[in-house]
């Protein structure tokens, strides 16, 4: 099976919260969405979410693909991949078939890499099931 690559084009972002924005609620979108401000609530999309260096998210997230350059607290369930850059901070739990963590990233998480994710339900976000093998990790730089 070929690795499906997504092209991230900053000019094709369909939604954006700038650094001086504070939003609380539920977010659903199609296309690429970037958050450089503060968001609290739930995020549900099969698309790409980019958390900018100034972005701070406290949410339950069900997403296709997420790139984290800022801070995320909560539960992340990704259908494709989670990427955490050197400036990224993740506190909570991560479930994804692929997890990429750059040197220097901060993680305080329970991580599970699995191709078998529960199907997404737009009307409700559930906690991920306990994995058979769960690794608790904490990385600090």
N, C-alpha and C. Protein backbone atom coordinates (compact mmCIF):
# COMPACT_ATOMS: atom_id res chain seq x y z
N UNK A 1 0.84 -1.19 0.00
CA UNK A 1 0.00 0.00 0.00
C UNK A 1 0.88 1.24 0.00
N UNK A 2 0.66 2.12 -0.93
CA UNK A 2 1.47 3.31 -1.03
C UNK A 2 1.09 4.30 0.07
N UNK A 3 2.10 5.01 0.54
CA UNK A 3 1.89 6.02 1.55
C UNK A 3 1.18 7.22 0.91
N UNK A 4 0.00 7.52 1.41
CA UNK A 4 -0.77 8.63 0.86
C UNK A 4 -0.22 9.94 1.42
N UNK A 5 0.28 10.81 0.54
CA UNK A 5 0.85 12.07 0.98
C UNK A 5 -0.14 13.19 0.74
N UNK A 6 -0.20 14.10 1.69
CA UNK A 6 -1.03 15.29 1.54
C UNK A 6 -0.11 16.46 1.27
N UNK A 7 -0.50 17.27 0.33
CA UNK A 7 0.27 18.47 0.07
C UNK A 7 -0.29 19.59 0.93
N UNK A 8 0.56 20.17 1.73
CA UNK A 8 0.16 21.29 2.57
C UNK A 8 0.55 22.56 1.84
N UNK A 9 -0.44 23.29 1.40
CA UNK A 9 -0.21 24.53 0.69
C UNK A 9 -0.85 25.65 1.51
N UNK A 10 -0.02 26.51 2.11
CA UNK A 10 -0.51 27.58 2.96
C UNK A 10 -1.52 28.48 2.22
N UNK A 11 -1.44 28.53 0.88
CA UNK A 11 -2.35 29.37 0.12
C UNK A 11 -3.71 28.72 -0.10
N UNK A 12 -3.83 27.43 0.20
CA UNK A 12 -5.08 26.73 0.00
C UNK A 12 -5.78 26.42 1.32
N UNK A 13 -5.45 27.14 2.38
CA UNK A 13 -6.10 26.96 3.67
C UNK A 13 -7.51 27.51 3.57
N UNK A 14 -8.49 26.70 3.98
CA UNK A 14 -9.89 27.12 3.87
C UNK A 14 -10.40 27.85 5.11
N UNK A 15 -9.67 27.76 6.22
CA UNK A 15 -10.07 28.46 7.44
C UNK A 15 -8.85 28.80 8.27
N UNK A 16 -8.98 29.88 9.09
CA UNK A 16 -7.83 30.36 9.83
C UNK A 16 -8.29 31.13 11.06
N UNK A 17 -7.72 30.82 12.24
CA UNK A 17 -7.89 31.63 13.45
C UNK A 17 -6.55 32.28 13.73
N UNK A 18 -6.49 33.59 13.75
CA UNK A 18 -5.23 34.29 13.96
C UNK A 18 -4.85 34.30 15.43
N UNK A 19 -3.64 34.78 15.75
CA UNK A 19 -3.08 34.69 17.09
C UNK A 19 -3.85 35.46 18.15
N UNK A 20 -4.60 36.46 17.82
CA UNK A 20 -5.35 37.22 18.81
C UNK A 20 -6.81 36.77 18.90
N UNK A 21 -7.10 35.55 18.44
CA UNK A 21 -8.46 35.03 18.43
C UNK A 21 -8.65 34.01 19.54
N UNK A 22 -9.76 34.13 20.29
CA UNK A 22 -10.14 33.16 21.31
C UNK A 22 -11.51 32.62 20.94
N UNK A 23 -11.62 31.30 20.74
CA UNK A 23 -12.89 30.70 20.34
C UNK A 23 -13.14 29.47 21.19
N UNK A 24 -14.41 29.30 21.59
CA UNK A 24 -14.83 28.13 22.35
C UNK A 24 -16.04 27.54 21.66
N UNK A 25 -16.04 26.20 21.48
CA UNK A 25 -17.18 25.56 20.84
C UNK A 25 -16.78 24.31 20.08
N UNK A 26 -17.55 24.02 19.03
CA UNK A 26 -17.30 22.85 18.19
C UNK A 26 -16.91 23.33 16.79
N UNK A 27 -15.87 22.72 16.24
CA UNK A 27 -15.36 23.12 14.93
C UNK A 27 -15.40 21.92 13.99
N UNK A 28 -16.07 22.09 12.85
CA UNK A 28 -16.07 21.10 11.78
C UNK A 28 -15.70 21.83 10.50
N UNK A 29 -14.86 21.21 9.66
CA UNK A 29 -14.44 21.88 8.44
C UNK A 29 -14.01 20.87 7.40
N UNK A 30 -13.91 21.33 6.15
CA UNK A 30 -13.35 20.57 5.04
C UNK A 30 -12.21 21.39 4.48
N UNK A 31 -11.18 20.73 4.00
CA UNK A 31 -10.00 21.44 3.52
C UNK A 31 -9.01 21.57 4.65
N UNK A 32 -8.02 22.42 4.48
CA UNK A 32 -7.01 22.66 5.51
C UNK A 32 -7.45 23.82 6.40
N UNK A 33 -7.22 23.68 7.70
CA UNK A 33 -7.59 24.72 8.65
C UNK A 33 -6.38 24.99 9.53
N UNK A 34 -6.08 26.25 9.79
CA UNK A 34 -4.94 26.62 10.63
C UNK A 34 -5.41 27.41 11.85
N UNK A 35 -4.87 27.06 13.00
CA UNK A 35 -5.19 27.77 14.24
C UNK A 35 -3.91 28.35 14.82
N UNK A 36 -3.85 29.68 14.90
CA UNK A 36 -2.74 30.36 15.56
C UNK A 36 -3.21 31.04 16.84
N UNK A 37 -4.50 30.99 17.11
CA UNK A 37 -5.06 31.59 18.32
C UNK A 37 -5.36 30.52 19.36
N UNK A 38 -6.36 30.80 20.19
CA UNK A 38 -6.76 29.87 21.26
C UNK A 38 -8.10 29.26 20.91
N UNK A 39 -8.19 27.93 21.05
CA UNK A 39 -9.44 27.23 20.79
C UNK A 39 -9.69 26.24 21.91
N UNK A 40 -10.94 26.20 22.38
CA UNK A 40 -11.33 25.24 23.42
C UNK A 40 -12.64 24.60 22.99
N UNK A 41 -12.70 23.26 23.03
CA UNK A 41 -13.94 22.58 22.67
C UNK A 41 -13.70 21.26 21.99
N UNK A 42 -14.35 21.07 20.83
CA UNK A 42 -14.24 19.84 20.06
C UNK A 42 -13.93 20.18 18.60
N UNK A 43 -13.09 19.36 17.99
CA UNK A 43 -12.76 19.53 16.57
C UNK A 43 -13.00 18.19 15.89
N UNK A 44 -13.72 18.21 14.78
CA UNK A 44 -14.05 16.98 14.07
C UNK A 44 -13.96 17.24 12.57
N UNK A 45 -13.02 16.56 11.89
CA UNK A 45 -12.85 16.72 10.45
C UNK A 45 -12.01 15.58 9.91
N UNK A 46 -12.26 15.20 8.66
CA UNK A 46 -11.41 14.21 7.98
C UNK A 46 -10.25 14.89 7.28
N UNK A 47 -10.14 16.19 7.41
CA UNK A 47 -9.15 16.98 6.67
C UNK A 47 -7.89 17.24 7.50
N UNK A 48 -7.17 18.30 7.16
CA UNK A 48 -5.89 18.64 7.78
C UNK A 48 -6.04 19.83 8.72
N UNK A 49 -5.51 19.67 9.93
CA UNK A 49 -5.47 20.76 10.90
C UNK A 49 -4.01 21.11 11.16
N UNK A 50 -3.70 22.40 11.07
CA UNK A 50 -2.36 22.89 11.36
C UNK A 50 -2.45 23.79 12.59
N UNK A 51 -1.69 23.44 13.61
CA UNK A 51 -1.63 24.27 14.81
C UNK A 51 -0.34 25.08 14.71
N UNK A 52 -0.50 26.39 14.53
CA UNK A 52 0.66 27.27 14.39
C UNK A 52 1.43 27.40 15.70
N UNK A 53 2.62 28.01 15.64
CA UNK A 53 3.46 28.15 16.82
C UNK A 53 2.78 28.92 17.94
N UNK A 54 1.88 29.84 17.61
CA UNK A 54 1.14 30.60 18.63
C UNK A 54 -0.18 29.92 19.02
N UNK A 55 -0.51 28.83 18.35
CA UNK A 55 -1.78 28.15 18.60
C UNK A 55 -1.79 27.40 19.92
N UNK A 56 -2.92 27.52 20.63
CA UNK A 56 -3.14 26.79 21.88
C UNK A 56 -4.53 26.18 21.80
N UNK A 57 -4.58 24.86 21.84
CA UNK A 57 -5.84 24.14 21.72
C UNK A 57 -6.05 23.28 22.94
N UNK A 58 -7.25 23.35 23.50
CA UNK A 58 -7.68 22.47 24.60
C UNK A 58 -8.96 21.82 24.09
N UNK A 59 -8.83 20.60 23.52
CA UNK A 59 -9.98 20.03 22.83
C UNK A 59 -9.88 18.52 22.69
N UNK A 60 -11.02 17.92 22.41
CA UNK A 60 -11.08 16.54 21.93
C UNK A 60 -11.08 16.65 20.41
N UNK A 61 -10.08 16.03 19.78
CA UNK A 61 -9.88 16.20 18.35
C UNK A 61 -9.99 14.87 17.63
N UNK A 62 -10.87 14.81 16.63
CA UNK A 62 -10.95 13.70 15.69
C UNK A 62 -10.66 14.31 14.33
N UNK A 63 -9.56 13.87 13.71
CA UNK A 63 -9.05 14.57 12.54
C UNK A 63 -8.47 13.58 11.55
N UNK A 64 -8.34 13.99 10.30
CA UNK A 64 -7.65 13.16 9.32
C UNK A 64 -6.16 13.21 9.53
N UNK A 65 -5.62 14.44 9.63
CA UNK A 65 -4.17 14.65 9.69
C UNK A 65 -3.94 15.93 10.48
N UNK A 66 -2.99 15.91 11.41
CA UNK A 66 -2.72 17.10 12.22
C UNK A 66 -1.22 17.36 12.28
N UNK A 67 -0.87 18.63 12.14
CA UNK A 67 0.51 19.10 12.28
C UNK A 67 0.52 20.06 13.45
N UNK A 68 1.36 19.76 14.45
CA UNK A 68 1.36 20.55 15.68
C UNK A 68 2.68 21.29 15.82
N UNK A 69 2.60 22.63 15.74
CA UNK A 69 3.74 23.50 15.97
C UNK A 69 3.57 24.27 17.28
N UNK A 70 2.35 24.29 17.80
CA UNK A 70 2.03 25.00 19.03
C UNK A 70 1.71 24.01 20.14
N UNK A 71 0.65 24.29 20.91
CA UNK A 71 0.30 23.47 22.07
C UNK A 71 -1.10 22.86 21.93
N UNK A 72 -1.19 21.56 22.21
CA UNK A 72 -2.48 20.87 22.19
C UNK A 72 -2.63 20.10 23.49
N UNK A 73 -3.76 20.34 24.18
CA UNK A 73 -4.12 19.57 25.37
C UNK A 73 -5.42 18.85 25.06
N UNK A 74 -5.48 17.57 25.41
CA UNK A 74 -6.71 16.82 25.17
C UNK A 74 -6.45 15.52 24.45
N UNK A 75 -7.47 15.03 23.79
CA UNK A 75 -7.42 13.76 23.09
C UNK A 75 -7.32 13.99 21.59
N UNK A 76 -6.34 13.35 20.95
CA UNK A 76 -6.19 13.44 19.50
C UNK A 76 -6.39 12.05 18.92
N UNK A 77 -7.36 11.91 18.03
CA UNK A 77 -7.56 10.68 17.25
C UNK A 77 -7.42 11.07 15.79
N UNK A 78 -6.36 10.58 15.16
CA UNK A 78 -6.10 10.91 13.76
C UNK A 78 -6.30 9.69 12.88
N UNK A 79 -6.98 9.87 11.76
CA UNK A 79 -7.21 8.78 10.82
C UNK A 79 -5.94 8.45 10.03
N UNK A 80 -5.08 9.45 9.79
CA UNK A 80 -3.89 9.25 8.98
C UNK A 80 -2.59 9.42 9.76
N UNK A 81 -2.36 10.65 10.29
CA UNK A 81 -1.05 10.91 10.88
C UNK A 81 -1.09 12.09 11.82
N UNK A 82 -0.22 12.02 12.85
CA UNK A 82 0.02 13.13 13.76
C UNK A 82 1.49 13.49 13.63
N UNK A 83 1.77 14.77 13.34
CA UNK A 83 3.14 15.27 13.26
C UNK A 83 3.32 16.33 14.34
N UNK A 84 4.36 16.17 15.15
CA UNK A 84 4.65 17.13 16.20
C UNK A 84 6.04 17.70 15.93
N UNK A 85 6.10 19.00 15.67
CA UNK A 85 7.38 19.64 15.35
C UNK A 85 8.18 19.90 16.62
N UNK A 86 9.39 20.37 16.45
CA UNK A 86 10.27 20.65 17.59
C UNK A 86 9.66 21.68 18.54
N UNK A 87 8.87 22.60 18.03
CA UNK A 87 8.24 23.62 18.88
C UNK A 87 6.89 23.17 19.43
N UNK A 88 6.44 21.96 19.05
CA UNK A 88 5.14 21.47 19.48
C UNK A 88 5.11 20.93 20.90
N UNK A 89 3.94 21.08 21.53
CA UNK A 89 3.70 20.56 22.89
C UNK A 89 2.37 19.82 22.87
N UNK A 90 2.38 18.57 23.34
CA UNK A 90 1.15 17.79 23.40
C UNK A 90 1.01 17.20 24.79
N UNK A 91 -0.16 17.44 25.40
CA UNK A 91 -0.48 16.93 26.72
C UNK A 91 -1.83 16.25 26.60
N UNK A 92 -1.90 14.93 26.84
CA UNK A 92 -3.15 14.21 26.74
C UNK A 92 -2.94 12.83 26.18
N UNK A 93 -3.72 12.46 25.17
CA UNK A 93 -3.56 11.15 24.54
C UNK A 93 -3.59 11.29 23.02
N UNK A 94 -2.85 10.39 22.36
CA UNK A 94 -2.72 10.41 20.91
C UNK A 94 -2.98 9.00 20.39
N UNK A 95 -3.91 8.87 19.43
CA UNK A 95 -4.16 7.61 18.75
C UNK A 95 -4.10 7.89 17.26
N UNK A 96 -3.19 7.20 16.56
CA UNK A 96 -3.01 7.43 15.13
C UNK A 96 -2.25 6.27 14.53
N UNK A 97 -2.45 6.00 13.23
CA UNK A 97 -1.66 4.96 12.59
C UNK A 97 -0.19 5.36 12.45
N UNK A 98 0.08 6.67 12.32
CA UNK A 98 1.46 7.16 12.19
C UNK A 98 1.66 8.34 13.12
N UNK A 99 2.79 8.33 13.81
CA UNK A 99 3.14 9.41 14.73
C UNK A 99 4.58 9.83 14.43
N UNK A 100 4.76 11.12 14.11
CA UNK A 100 6.08 11.66 13.82
C UNK A 100 6.37 12.74 14.86
N UNK A 101 7.49 12.59 15.57
CA UNK A 101 7.86 13.54 16.61
C UNK A 101 9.28 14.03 16.35
N UNK A 102 9.43 15.33 16.13
CA UNK A 102 10.76 15.90 15.92
C UNK A 102 11.47 16.06 17.25
N UNK A 103 12.79 16.01 17.19
CA UNK A 103 13.60 16.22 18.37
C UNK A 103 13.32 17.61 18.93
N UNK A 104 13.12 17.69 20.23
CA UNK A 104 12.83 18.95 20.89
C UNK A 104 11.37 19.13 21.24
N UNK A 105 10.49 18.30 20.68
CA UNK A 105 9.06 18.39 20.99
C UNK A 105 8.82 17.95 22.44
N UNK A 106 7.75 18.47 23.05
CA UNK A 106 7.38 18.12 24.42
C UNK A 106 6.13 17.23 24.37
N UNK A 107 6.23 16.06 24.96
CA UNK A 107 5.09 15.14 25.01
C UNK A 107 4.85 14.71 26.44
N UNK A 108 3.61 14.79 26.86
CA UNK A 108 3.16 14.23 28.14
C UNK A 108 1.87 13.49 27.78
N UNK A 109 2.04 12.30 27.18
CA UNK A 109 0.90 11.64 26.55
C UNK A 109 0.89 10.14 26.76
N UNK A 110 -0.28 9.57 26.52
CA UNK A 110 -0.45 8.15 26.26
C UNK A 110 -0.56 8.06 24.76
N UNK A 111 0.29 7.24 24.13
CA UNK A 111 0.30 7.14 22.67
C UNK A 111 -0.05 5.73 22.24
N UNK A 112 -0.83 5.64 21.17
CA UNK A 112 -1.14 4.35 20.55
C UNK A 112 -1.05 4.54 19.05
N UNK A 113 -0.21 3.73 18.41
CA UNK A 113 -0.17 3.75 16.96
C UNK A 113 -0.85 2.49 16.47
N UNK A 114 -1.92 2.69 15.72
CA UNK A 114 -2.74 1.58 15.25
C UNK A 114 -3.47 1.98 13.99
N UNK A 115 -3.60 1.04 13.05
CA UNK A 115 -4.41 1.29 11.86
C UNK A 115 -5.89 1.10 12.16
N UNK A 116 -6.20 0.52 13.29
CA UNK A 116 -7.59 0.22 13.64
C UNK A 116 -8.14 1.27 14.58
N UNK A 117 -8.64 2.35 14.00
CA UNK A 117 -9.25 3.41 14.77
C UNK A 117 -10.76 3.24 14.75
N UNK A 118 -11.43 3.64 15.81
CA UNK A 118 -12.88 3.58 15.76
C UNK A 118 -13.41 4.53 14.70
N UNK A 119 -14.54 4.19 14.05
CA UNK A 119 -15.09 5.09 13.03
C UNK A 119 -15.48 6.42 13.64
N UNK A 120 -15.33 7.49 12.85
CA UNK A 120 -15.69 8.82 13.34
C UNK A 120 -17.20 8.97 13.38
N UNK A 121 -17.67 9.59 14.44
CA UNK A 121 -19.08 9.91 14.59
C UNK A 121 -19.17 11.41 14.78
N UNK A 122 -19.62 12.14 13.76
CA UNK A 122 -19.64 13.60 13.85
C UNK A 122 -20.46 14.13 15.02
N UNK A 123 -21.52 13.41 15.41
CA UNK A 123 -22.39 13.93 16.45
C UNK A 123 -21.83 13.77 17.86
N UNK A 124 -20.83 12.89 18.03
CA UNK A 124 -20.26 12.75 19.36
C UNK A 124 -18.80 12.34 19.26
N UNK A 125 -18.02 12.80 20.20
CA UNK A 125 -16.61 12.43 20.28
C UNK A 125 -16.44 11.53 21.49
N UNK A 126 -15.96 10.32 21.25
CA UNK A 126 -15.79 9.38 22.33
C UNK A 126 -14.33 9.30 22.73
N UNK A 127 -14.10 8.85 23.97
CA UNK A 127 -12.73 8.59 24.41
C UNK A 127 -12.22 7.38 23.66
N UNK A 128 -10.93 7.34 23.31
CA UNK A 128 -10.41 6.15 22.64
C UNK A 128 -10.41 4.96 23.58
N UNK A 129 -10.62 3.76 23.00
CA UNK A 129 -10.60 2.56 23.80
C UNK A 129 -9.19 2.33 24.30
N UNK A 130 -9.09 1.66 25.47
CA UNK A 130 -7.77 1.33 26.00
C UNK A 130 -7.08 0.37 25.05
N UNK A 131 -5.89 0.69 24.60
CA UNK A 131 -5.17 -0.20 23.70
C UNK A 131 -4.64 -1.42 24.45
N UNK A 132 -4.37 -2.48 23.69
CA UNK A 132 -3.81 -3.68 24.30
C UNK A 132 -2.44 -3.37 24.87
N UNK A 133 -1.62 -2.66 24.11
CA UNK A 133 -0.32 -2.24 24.57
C UNK A 133 -0.32 -0.72 24.57
N UNK A 134 -0.18 -0.16 25.75
CA UNK A 134 -0.20 1.30 25.86
C UNK A 134 1.11 1.75 26.46
N UNK A 135 1.73 2.69 25.83
CA UNK A 135 3.02 3.19 26.32
C UNK A 135 2.82 4.60 26.84
N UNK A 136 3.15 4.79 28.11
CA UNK A 136 3.10 6.14 28.66
C UNK A 136 4.48 6.74 28.49
N UNK A 137 4.53 7.89 27.83
CA UNK A 137 5.82 8.50 27.57
C UNK A 137 5.80 9.95 27.97
N UNK A 138 6.95 10.42 28.35
CA UNK A 138 7.10 11.85 28.62
C UNK A 138 8.47 12.23 28.10
N UNK A 139 8.50 13.12 27.14
CA UNK A 139 9.74 13.59 26.57
C UNK A 139 9.86 15.06 26.86
N UNK A 140 11.02 15.47 27.28
CA UNK A 140 11.28 16.88 27.52
C UNK A 140 12.61 17.25 26.93
N UNK A 141 12.69 18.45 26.42
CA UNK A 141 13.97 18.93 25.90
C UNK A 141 14.31 20.24 26.56
